[in-house]
Amino acid sequence: MPIIAVTTWDGQSDAQAQELMQELTRTVGRVTGAPLDKITVYIQEVPRSRWAEGGALGSDPKFPELSRRLSE
């Protein structure tokens, strides 16, 4: 049955992670008709220092700006 993998930065609270997993489970169940007990959701948390967009590390204070660059 469905397996949903979410990859995100670390730092979410347990309550946020639980709410996300519950909502994803409900939505997938509603859309696909799969029984809720057959839907698996897991979250992989990546430290910001190990995540890059456009070559800019997520831990860089200038990340919002640097990650949007189109060239060097």
PDB file of N, CA and C in Angstrom:
ATOM      1  N   MET A   1       0.824  -1.176   0.000  1.00  0.00           N
ATOM      2  CA  MET A   1       0.000   0.000   0.000  1.00  0.00           C
ATOM      3  C   MET A   1       0.879   1.255   0.000  1.00  0.00           C
ATOM      4  N   PRO A   2       0.286   2.428   0.051  1.00  0.00           N
ATOM      5  CA  PRO A   2       1.075   3.654  -0.107  1.00  0.00           C
ATOM      6  C   PRO A   2       2.124   3.862   0.973  1.00  0.00           C
ATOM      7  N   ILE A   3       3.297   4.317   0.533  1.00  0.00           N
ATOM      8  CA  ILE A   3       4.366   4.734   1.428  1.00  0.00           C
ATOM      9  C   ILE A   3       4.721   6.163   1.031  1.00  0.00           C
ATOM     10  N   ILE A   4       4.631   7.079   1.980  1.00  0.00           N
ATOM     11  CA  ILE A   4       4.896   8.488   1.718  1.00  0.00           C
ATOM     12  C   ILE A   4       6.166   8.869   2.447  1.00  0.00           C
ATOM     13  N   ALA A   5       7.151   9.375   1.701  1.00  0.00           N
ATOM     14  CA  ALA A   5       8.414   9.823   2.283  1.00  0.00           C
ATOM     15  C   ALA A   5       8.483  11.341   2.176  1.00  0.00           C
ATOM     16  N   VAL A   6       8.748  11.984   3.285  1.00  0.00           N
ATOM     17  CA  VAL A   6       8.890  13.438   3.339  1.00  0.00           C
ATOM     18  C   VAL A   6      10.316  13.735   3.781  1.00  0.00           C
ATOM     19  N   THR A   7      11.012  14.547   3.004  1.00  0.00           N
ATOM     20  CA  THR A   7      12.348  14.961   3.383  1.00  0.00           C
ATOM     21  C   THR A   7      12.306  16.456   3.654  1.00  0.00           C
ATOM     22  N   THR A   8      12.779  16.855   4.817  1.00  0.00           N
ATOM     23  CA  THR A   8      12.719  18.249   5.225  1.00  0.00           C
ATOM     24  C   THR A   8      13.894  18.574   6.127  1.00  0.00           C
ATOM     25  N   TRP A   9      14.069  19.860   6.389  1.00  0.00           N
ATOM     26  CA  TRP A   9      15.086  20.254   7.358  1.00  0.00           C
ATOM     27  C   TRP A   9      14.699  19.773   8.731  1.00  0.00           C
ATOM     28  N   ASP A  10      15.687  19.599   9.577  1.00  0.00           N
ATOM     29  CA  ASP A  10      15.412  19.242  10.962  1.00  0.00           C
ATOM     30  C   ASP A  10      14.841  20.453  11.699  1.00  0.00           C
ATOM     31  N   GLY A  11      14.326  20.226  12.875  1.00  0.00           N
ATOM     32  CA  GLY A  11      13.835  21.330  13.684  1.00  0.00           C
ATOM     33  C   GLY A  11      12.331  21.353  13.895  1.00  0.00           C
ATOM     34  N   GLN A  12      11.610  20.418  13.278  1.00  0.00           N
ATOM     35  CA  GLN A  12      10.167  20.355  13.505  1.00  0.00           C
ATOM     36  C   GLN A  12       9.926  19.739  14.884  1.00  0.00           C
ATOM     37  N   SER A  13       8.908  20.222  15.554  1.00  0.00           N
ATOM     38  CA  SER A  13       8.566  19.621  16.846  1.00  0.00           C
ATOM     39  C   SER A  13       7.882  18.278  16.603  1.00  0.00           C
ATOM     40  N   ASP A  14       7.827  17.455  17.635  1.00  0.00           N
ATOM     41  CA  ASP A  14       7.121  16.174  17.517  1.00  0.00           C
ATOM     42  C   ASP A  14       5.657  16.403  17.163  1.00  0.00           C
ATOM     43  N   ALA A  15       5.054  17.449  17.729  1.00  0.00           N
ATOM     44  CA  ALA A  15       3.647  17.744  17.450  1.00  0.00           C
ATOM     45  C   ALA A  15       3.452  18.123  15.984  1.00  0.00           C
ATOM     46  N   GLN A  16       4.355  18.907  15.421  1.00  0.00           N
ATOM     47  CA  GLN A  16       4.255  19.274  14.006  1.00  0.00           C
ATOM     48  C   GLN A  16       4.418  18.046  13.116  1.00  0.00           C
ATOM     49  N   ALA A  17       5.394  17.208  13.436  1.00  0.00           N
ATOM     50  CA  ALA A  17       5.622  16.001  12.647  1.00  0.00           C
ATOM     51  C   ALA A  17       4.406  15.082  12.712  1.00  0.00           C
ATOM     52  N   GLN A  18       3.840  14.930  13.896  1.00  0.00           N
ATOM     53  CA  GLN A  18       2.665  14.078  14.056  1.00  0.00           C
ATOM     54  C   GLN A  18       1.490  14.621  13.250  1.00  0.00           C
ATOM     55  N   GLU A  19       1.262  15.920  13.320  1.00  0.00           N
ATOM     56  CA  GLU A  19       0.151  16.505  12.567  1.00  0.00           C
ATOM     57  C   GLU A  19       0.343  16.315  11.068  1.00  0.00           C
ATOM     58  N   LEU A  20       1.560  16.535  10.583  1.00  0.00           N
ATOM     59  CA  LEU A  20       1.845  16.343   9.170  1.00  0.00           C
ATOM     60  C   LEU A  20       1.574  14.907   8.748  1.00  0.00           C
ATOM     61  N   MET A  21       2.064  13.942   9.526  1.00  0.00           N
ATOM     62  CA  MET A  21       1.869  12.534   9.177  1.00  0.00           C
ATOM     63  C   MET A  21       0.392  12.151   9.222  1.00  0.00           C
ATOM     64  N   GLN A  22      -0.347  12.660  10.184  1.00  0.00           N
ATOM     65  CA  GLN A  22      -1.775  12.361  10.267  1.00  0.00           C
ATOM     66  C   GLN A  22      -2.529  12.945   9.068  1.00  0.00           C
ATOM     67  N   GLU A  23      -2.221  14.180   8.719  1.00  0.00           N
ATOM     68  CA  GLU A  23      -2.911  14.812   7.593  1.00  0.00           C
ATOM     69  C   GLU A  23      -2.573  14.135   6.274  1.00  0.00           C
ATOM     70  N   LEU A  24      -1.313  13.762   6.089  1.00  0.00           N
ATOM     71  CA  LEU A  24      -0.943  13.038   4.867  1.00  0.00           C
ATOM     72  C   LEU A  24      -1.655  11.697   4.792  1.00  0.00           C
ATOM     73  N   THR A  25      -1.727  10.999   5.917  1.00  0.00           N
ATOM     74  CA  THR A  25      -2.422   9.713   5.953  1.00  0.00           C
ATOM     75  C   THR A  25      -3.891   9.887   5.588  1.00  0.00           C
ATOM     76  N   ARG A  26      -4.556  10.854   6.191  1.00  0.00           N
ATOM     77  CA  ARG A  26      -5.979  11.102   5.894  1.00  0.00           C
ATOM     78  C   ARG A  26      -6.192  11.434   4.420  1.00  0.00           C
ATOM     79  N   THR A  27      -5.340  12.309   3.885  1.00  0.00           N
ATOM     80  CA  THR A  27      -5.503  12.731   2.493  1.00  0.00           C
ATOM     81  C   THR A  27      -5.287  11.574   1.529  1.00  0.00           C
ATOM     82  N   VAL A  28      -4.232  10.811   1.739  1.00  0.00           N
ATOM     83  CA  VAL A  28      -3.966   9.669   0.864  1.00  0.00           C
ATOM     84  C   VAL A  28      -5.097   8.652   0.970  1.00  0.00           C
ATOM     85  N   GLY A  29      -5.580   8.429   2.176  1.00  0.00           N
ATOM     86  CA  GLY A  29      -6.701   7.511   2.345  1.00  0.00           C
ATOM     87  C   GLY A  29      -7.941   7.984   1.606  1.00  0.00           C
ATOM     88  N   ARG A  30      -8.242   9.260   1.701  1.00  0.00           N
ATOM     89  CA  ARG A  30      -9.427   9.815   1.035  1.00  0.00           C
ATOM     90  C   ARG A  30      -9.288   9.737  -0.483  1.00  0.00           C
ATOM     91  N   VAL A  31      -8.132  10.092  -0.995  1.00  0.00           N
ATOM     92  CA  VAL A  31      -7.935  10.152  -2.441  1.00  0.00           C
ATOM     93  C   VAL A  31      -7.814   8.763  -3.062  1.00  0.00           C
ATOM     94  N   THR A  32      -7.095   7.856  -2.401  1.00  0.00           N
ATOM     95  CA  THR A  32      -6.837   6.543  -2.999  1.00  0.00           C
ATOM     96  C   THR A  32      -7.804   5.456  -2.547  1.00  0.00           C
ATOM     97  N   GLY A  33      -8.458   5.683  -1.414  1.00  0.00           N
ATOM     98  CA  GLY A  33      -9.327   4.650  -0.865  1.00  0.00           C
ATOM     99  C   GLY A  33      -8.574   3.588  -0.081  1.00  0.00           C
ATOM    100  N   ALA A  34      -7.274   3.773   0.090  1.00  0.00           N
ATOM    101  CA  ALA A  34      -6.482   2.805   0.854  1.00  0.00           C
ATOM    102  C   ALA A  34      -6.894   2.851   2.323  1.00  0.00           C
ATOM    103  N   PRO A  35      -6.938   1.701   2.981  1.00  0.00           N
ATOM    104  CA  PRO A  35      -7.237   1.691   4.415  1.00  0.00           C
ATOM    105  C   PRO A  35      -6.125   2.438   5.168  1.00  0.00           C
ATOM    106  N   LEU A  36      -6.521   3.211   6.173  1.00  0.00           N
ATOM    107  CA  LEU A  36      -5.548   4.015   6.904  1.00  0.00           C
ATOM    108  C   LEU A  36      -4.437   3.181   7.514  1.00  0.00           C
ATOM    109  N   ASP A  37      -4.751   1.971   7.960  1.00  0.00           N
ATOM    110  CA  ASP A  37      -3.716   1.149   8.595  1.00  0.00           C
ATOM    111  C   ASP A  37      -2.735   0.552   7.590  1.00  0.00           C
ATOM    112  N   LYS A  38      -2.942   0.810   6.320  1.00  0.00           N
ATOM    113  CA  LYS A  38      -2.025   0.322   5.290  1.00  0.00           C
ATOM    114  C   LYS A  38      -1.204   1.457   4.684  1.00  0.00           C
ATOM    115  N   ILE A  39      -1.343   2.670   5.213  1.00  0.00           N
ATOM    116  CA  ILE A  39      -0.608   3.831   4.712  1.00  0.00           C
ATOM    117  C   ILE A  39       0.552   4.115   5.661  1.00  0.00           C
ATOM    118  N   THR A  40       1.747   4.147   5.105  1.00  0.00           N
ATOM    119  CA  THR A  40       2.955   4.419   5.889  1.00  0.00           C
ATOM    120  C   THR A  40       3.480   5.798   5.522  1.00  0.00           C
ATOM    121  N   VAL A  41       3.805   6.582   6.540  1.00  0.00           N
ATOM    122  CA  VAL A  41       4.409   7.898   6.337  1.00  0.00           C
ATOM    123  C   VAL A  41       5.670   7.965   7.182  1.00  0.00           C
ATOM    124  N   TYR A  42       6.744   8.436   6.582  1.00  0.00           N
ATOM    125  CA  TYR A  42       7.941   8.674   7.385  1.00  0.00           C
ATOM    126  C   TYR A  42       8.597   9.981   6.961  1.00  0.00           C
ATOM    127  N   ILE A  43       9.262  10.582   7.923  1.00  0.00           N
ATOM    128  CA  ILE A  43       9.924  11.861   7.704  1.00  0.00           C
ATOM    129  C   ILE A  43      11.428  11.660   7.876  1.00  0.00           C
ATOM    130  N   GLN A  44      12.171  12.105   6.885  1.00  0.00           N
ATOM    131  CA  GLN A  44      13.626  12.132   6.970  1.00  0.00           C
ATOM    132  C   GLN A  44      14.013  13.578   7.216  1.00  0.00           C
ATOM    133  N   GLU A  45      14.703  13.829   8.315  1.00  0.00           N
ATOM    134  CA  GLU A  45      15.125  15.184   8.632  1.00  0.00           C
ATOM    135  C   GLU A  45      16.609  15.340   8.314  1.00  0.00           C
ATOM    136  N   VAL A  46      16.910  16.370   7.560  1.00  0.00           N
ATOM    137  CA  VAL A  46      18.276  16.643   7.138  1.00  0.00           C
ATOM    138  C   VAL A  46      18.744  17.922   7.831  1.00  0.00           C
ATOM    139  N   PRO A  47      19.898  17.901   8.481  1.00  0.00           N
ATOM    140  CA  PRO A  47      20.411  19.129   9.078  1.00  0.00           C
ATOM    141  C   PRO A  47      20.619  20.194   7.995  1.00  0.00           C
ATOM    142  N   ARG A  48      20.342  21.434   8.328  1.00  0.00           N
ATOM    143  CA  ARG A  48      20.500  22.530   7.366  1.00  0.00           C
ATOM    144  C   ARG A  48      21.919  22.608   6.823  1.00  0.00           C
ATOM    145  N   SER A  49      22.898  22.184   7.611  1.00  0.00           N
ATOM    146  CA  SER A  49      24.290  22.215   7.157  1.00  0.00           C
ATOM    147  C   SER A  49      24.592  21.103   6.152  1.00  0.00           C
ATOM    148  N   ARG A  50      23.642  20.230   5.919  1.00  0.00           N
ATOM    149  CA  ARG A  50      23.806  19.140   4.949  1.00  0.00           C
ATOM    150  C   ARG A  50      22.787  19.241   3.817  1.00  0.00           C
ATOM    151  N   TRP A  51      22.218  20.430   3.636  1.00  0.00           N
ATOM    152  CA  TRP A  51      21.201  20.690   2.614  1.00  0.00           C
ATOM    153  C   TRP A  51      21.659  21.904   1.825  1.00  0.00           C
ATOM    154  N   ALA A  52      21.646  21.822   0.512  1.00  0.00           N
ATOM    155  CA  ALA A  52      22.043  22.968  -0.309  1.00  0.00           C
ATOM    156  C   ALA A  52      21.081  23.137  -1.474  1.00  0.00           C
ATOM    157  N   GLU A  53      20.857  24.361  -1.829  1.00  0.00           N
ATOM    158  CA  GLU A  53      20.104  24.711  -3.039  1.00  0.00           C
ATOM    159  C   GLU A  53      20.933  25.759  -3.764  1.00  0.00           C
ATOM    160  N   GLY A  54      21.162  25.546  -5.033  1.00  0.00           N
ATOM    161  CA  GLY A  54      21.998  26.471  -5.785  1.00  0.00           C
ATOM    162  C   GLY A  54      23.406  26.543  -5.233  1.00  0.00           C
ATOM    163  N   GLY A  55      23.839  25.499  -4.550  1.00  0.00           N
ATOM    164  CA  GLY A  55      25.171  25.462  -3.963  1.00  0.00           C
ATOM    165  C   GLY A  55      25.274  26.165  -2.622  1.00  0.00           C
ATOM    166  N   ALA A  56      24.181  26.762  -2.160  1.00  0.00           N
ATOM    167  CA  ALA A  56      24.188  27.477  -0.881  1.00  0.00           C
ATOM    168  C   ALA A  56      23.672  26.563   0.220  1.00  0.00           C
ATOM    169  N   LEU A  57      24.419  26.485   1.313  1.00  0.00           N
ATOM    170  CA  LEU A  57      24.005  25.665   2.446  1.00  0.00           C
ATOM    171  C   LEU A  57      22.798  26.275   3.140  1.00  0.00           C
ATOM    172  N   GLY A  58      21.897  25.434   3.575  1.00  0.00           N
ATOM    173  CA  GLY A  58      20.724  25.880   4.300  1.00  0.00           C
ATOM    174  C   GLY A  58      21.070  26.583   5.596  1.00  0.00           C
ATOM    175  N   SER A  59      22.240  26.316   6.136  1.00  0.00           N
ATOM    176  CA  SER A  59      22.659  26.943   7.391  1.00  0.00           C
ATOM    177  C   SER A  59      23.280  28.325   7.178  1.00  0.00           C
ATOM    178  N   ASP A  60      23.510  28.721   5.934  1.00  0.00           N
ATOM    179  CA  ASP A  60      24.089  30.032   5.651  1.00  0.00           C
ATOM    180  C   ASP A  60      23.039  31.115   5.918  1.00  0.00           C
ATOM    181  N   PRO A  61      23.376  32.141   6.699  1.00  0.00           N
ATOM    182  CA  PRO A  61      22.408  33.206   6.975  1.00  0.00           C
ATOM    183  C   PRO A  61      21.864  33.869   5.704  1.00  0.00           C
ATOM    184  N   LYS A  62      22.637  33.820   4.622  1.00  0.00           N
ATOM    185  CA  LYS A  62      22.204  34.410   3.351  1.00  0.00           C
ATOM    186  C   LYS A  62      21.505  33.394   2.443  1.00  0.00           C
ATOM    187  N   PHE A  63      21.125  32.240   3.006  1.00  0.00           N
ATOM    188  CA  PHE A  63      20.530  31.177   2.205  1.00  0.00           C
ATOM    189  C   PHE A  63      19.353  31.644   1.340  1.00  0.00           C
ATOM    190  N   PRO A  64      18.390  32.400   1.885  1.00  0.00           N
ATOM    191  CA  PRO A  64      17.258  32.802   1.037  1.00  0.00           C
ATOM    192  C   PRO A  64      17.694  33.538  -0.231  1.00  0.00           C
ATOM    193  N   GLU A  65      18.723  34.345  -0.119  1.00  0.00           N
ATOM    194  CA  GLU A  65      19.225  35.092  -1.267  1.00  0.00           C
ATOM    195  C   GLU A  65      20.085  34.198  -2.170  1.00  0.00           C
ATOM    196  N   LEU A  66      21.043  33.497  -1.569  1.00  0.00           N
ATOM    197  CA  LEU A  66      21.995  32.700  -2.336  1.00  0.00           C
ATOM    198  C   LEU A  66      21.346  31.523  -3.061  1.00  0.00           C
ATOM    199  N   SER A  67      20.319  30.953  -2.474  1.00  0.00           N
ATOM    200  CA  SER A  67      19.703  29.781  -3.083  1.00  0.00           C
ATOM    201  C   SER A  67      18.856  30.129  -4.303  1.00  0.00           C
ATOM    202  N   ARG A  68      18.636  31.419  -4.537  1.00  0.00           N
ATOM    203  CA  ARG A  68      17.830  31.850  -5.677  1.00  0.00           C
ATOM    204  C   ARG A  68      18.680  32.317  -6.867  1.00  0.00           C
ATOM    205  N   ARG A  69      19.987  32.285  -6.693  1.00  0.00           N
ATOM    206  CA  ARG A  69      20.864  32.765  -7.768  1.00  0.00           C
ATOM    207  C   ARG A  69      20.807  31.832  -8.975  1.00  0.00           C
ATOM    208  N   LEU A  70      20.954  32.393 -10.148  1.00  0.00           N
ATOM    209  CA  LEU A  70      20.899  31.613 -11.366  1.00  0.00           C
ATOM    210  C   LEU A  70      22.280  31.288 -11.911  1.00  0.00           C
ATOM    211  N   SER A  71      23.277  32.072 -11.510  1.00  0.00           N
ATOM    212  CA  SER A  71      24.657  31.803 -11.923  1.00  0.00           C
ATOM    213  C   SER A  71      25.591  32.417 -10.894  1.00  0.00           C
ATOM    214  N   GLU A  72      26.864  32.087 -11.013  1.00  0.00           N
ATOM    215  CA  GLU A  72      27.863  32.616 -10.060  1.00  0.00           C
ATOM    216  C   GLU A  72      28.276  34.013 -10.445  1.00  0.00           C
TER     217      GLU A  72
END
